[in-house]
């Protein structure tokens, strides 16, 4: 089963929103990478919608929540350590 990431966003007023996303497929990464050069919001929408497992629907509807989740999700999918050996 694909690894999932749980993300929580807290607004200044104390409101909290949560979601769970699974790792993106190669196809999703390709589409998001191409789109991010011209429309970062659309790229974030596609990334979140294609990887959505569960969560608060407000995240999909609110631009600021969507971008916050997409940013955190991108950070969480970076390799922790990478080493090239010959």
Protein backbone atom coordinates (compact mmCIF):
# COMPACT_ATOMS: atom_id res chain seq x y z
CA UNK A 1 0.00 0.00 0.00
CA UNK A 2 1.16 3.52 -0.78
CA UNK A 3 2.62 5.60 2.01
CA UNK A 4 0.28 8.33 3.24
CA UNK A 5 0.98 11.68 4.83
CA UNK A 6 -1.31 13.43 7.32
CA UNK A 7 -1.25 17.21 7.10
CA UNK A 8 -2.81 19.72 9.48
CA UNK A 9 -3.24 23.42 8.73
CA UNK A 10 -4.04 25.84 11.53
CA UNK A 11 -5.26 29.36 10.78
CA UNK A 12 -4.66 32.45 12.93
CA UNK A 13 -8.13 32.16 14.45
CA UNK A 14 -7.37 28.66 15.71
CA UNK A 15 -9.37 26.85 13.02
CA UNK A 16 -7.77 23.52 12.13
CA UNK A 17 -8.11 21.52 8.94
CA UNK A 18 -6.71 18.06 8.31
CA UNK A 19 -6.24 15.77 5.37
CA UNK A 20 -4.46 12.58 4.41
CA UNK A 21 -2.75 12.22 1.03
CA UNK A 22 -0.99 9.27 -0.60
CA UNK A 23 2.23 9.46 -2.57
CA UNK A 24 1.77 10.83 -6.07
CA UNK A 25 2.18 8.58 -9.08
CA UNK A 26 4.81 9.31 -11.71
CA UNK A 27 2.04 10.46 -14.05
CA UNK A 28 0.69 12.90 -11.47
CA UNK A 29 4.17 14.27 -10.78
CA UNK A 30 4.73 14.78 -14.50
CA UNK A 31 1.48 16.71 -14.96
CA UNK A 32 2.02 18.80 -11.83
CA UNK A 33 5.61 19.61 -12.82
CA UNK A 34 4.56 20.83 -16.28
CA UNK A 35 1.62 22.83 -14.95
CA UNK A 36 3.52 24.43 -12.09
CA UNK A 37 5.56 26.45 -14.57
CA UNK A 38 2.46 28.30 -15.77
CA UNK A 39 -0.26 27.89 -13.11
CA UNK A 40 0.81 26.96 -9.60
CA UNK A 41 -2.73 26.97 -8.22
CA UNK A 42 -4.00 24.53 -10.85
CA UNK A 43 -0.93 22.36 -10.23
CA UNK A 44 -1.72 22.34 -6.49
CA UNK A 45 -5.36 21.43 -7.20
CA UNK A 46 -4.33 18.49 -9.34
CA UNK A 47 -1.71 17.29 -6.87
CA UNK A 48 -4.11 17.36 -3.93
CA UNK A 49 -7.07 15.90 -5.82
CA UNK A 50 -5.04 13.04 -7.32
CA UNK A 51 -3.50 12.13 -3.96
CA UNK A 52 -6.54 12.72 -1.71
CA UNK A 53 -7.38 9.92 0.73
CA UNK A 54 -9.54 11.77 3.26
CA UNK A 55 -9.93 15.04 5.08
CA UNK A 56 -11.77 18.31 5.46
CA UNK A 57 -13.35 19.35 2.15
CA UNK A 58 -12.63 23.02 2.94
CA UNK A 59 -9.03 22.30 1.95
CA UNK A 60 -10.10 21.57 -1.63
CA UNK A 61 -12.30 24.69 -1.78
CA UNK A 62 -10.12 27.33 -0.11
CA UNK A 63 -7.14 28.54 -2.12
CA UNK A 64 -4.95 29.38 0.87
CA UNK A 65 -5.61 26.03 2.55
CA UNK A 66 -4.98 24.23 -0.73
CA UNK A 67 -1.64 25.96 -1.30
CA UNK A 68 -0.58 25.37 2.32
CA UNK A 69 -1.35 21.65 2.04
CA UNK A 70 0.36 21.34 -1.36
CA UNK A 71 3.47 23.07 -0.01
CA UNK A 72 3.73 20.83 3.04
CA UNK A 73 2.98 17.77 0.95
CA UNK A 74 5.79 18.66 -1.45
CA UNK A 75 8.23 18.97 1.44
CA UNK A 76 7.17 15.63 2.90
CA UNK A 77 7.82 13.80 -0.37
CA UNK A 78 11.45 14.86 -0.64
CA UNK A 79 14.02 12.14 0.02
CA UNK A 80 15.53 12.52 3.47
CA UNK A 81 18.95 11.33 2.36
CA UNK A 82 20.23 10.63 -1.09
CA UNK A 83 23.69 9.33 -1.89
CA UNK A 84 25.29 8.64 -5.23
CA UNK A 85 27.91 5.89 -5.18
CA UNK A 86 30.14 4.68 -7.97
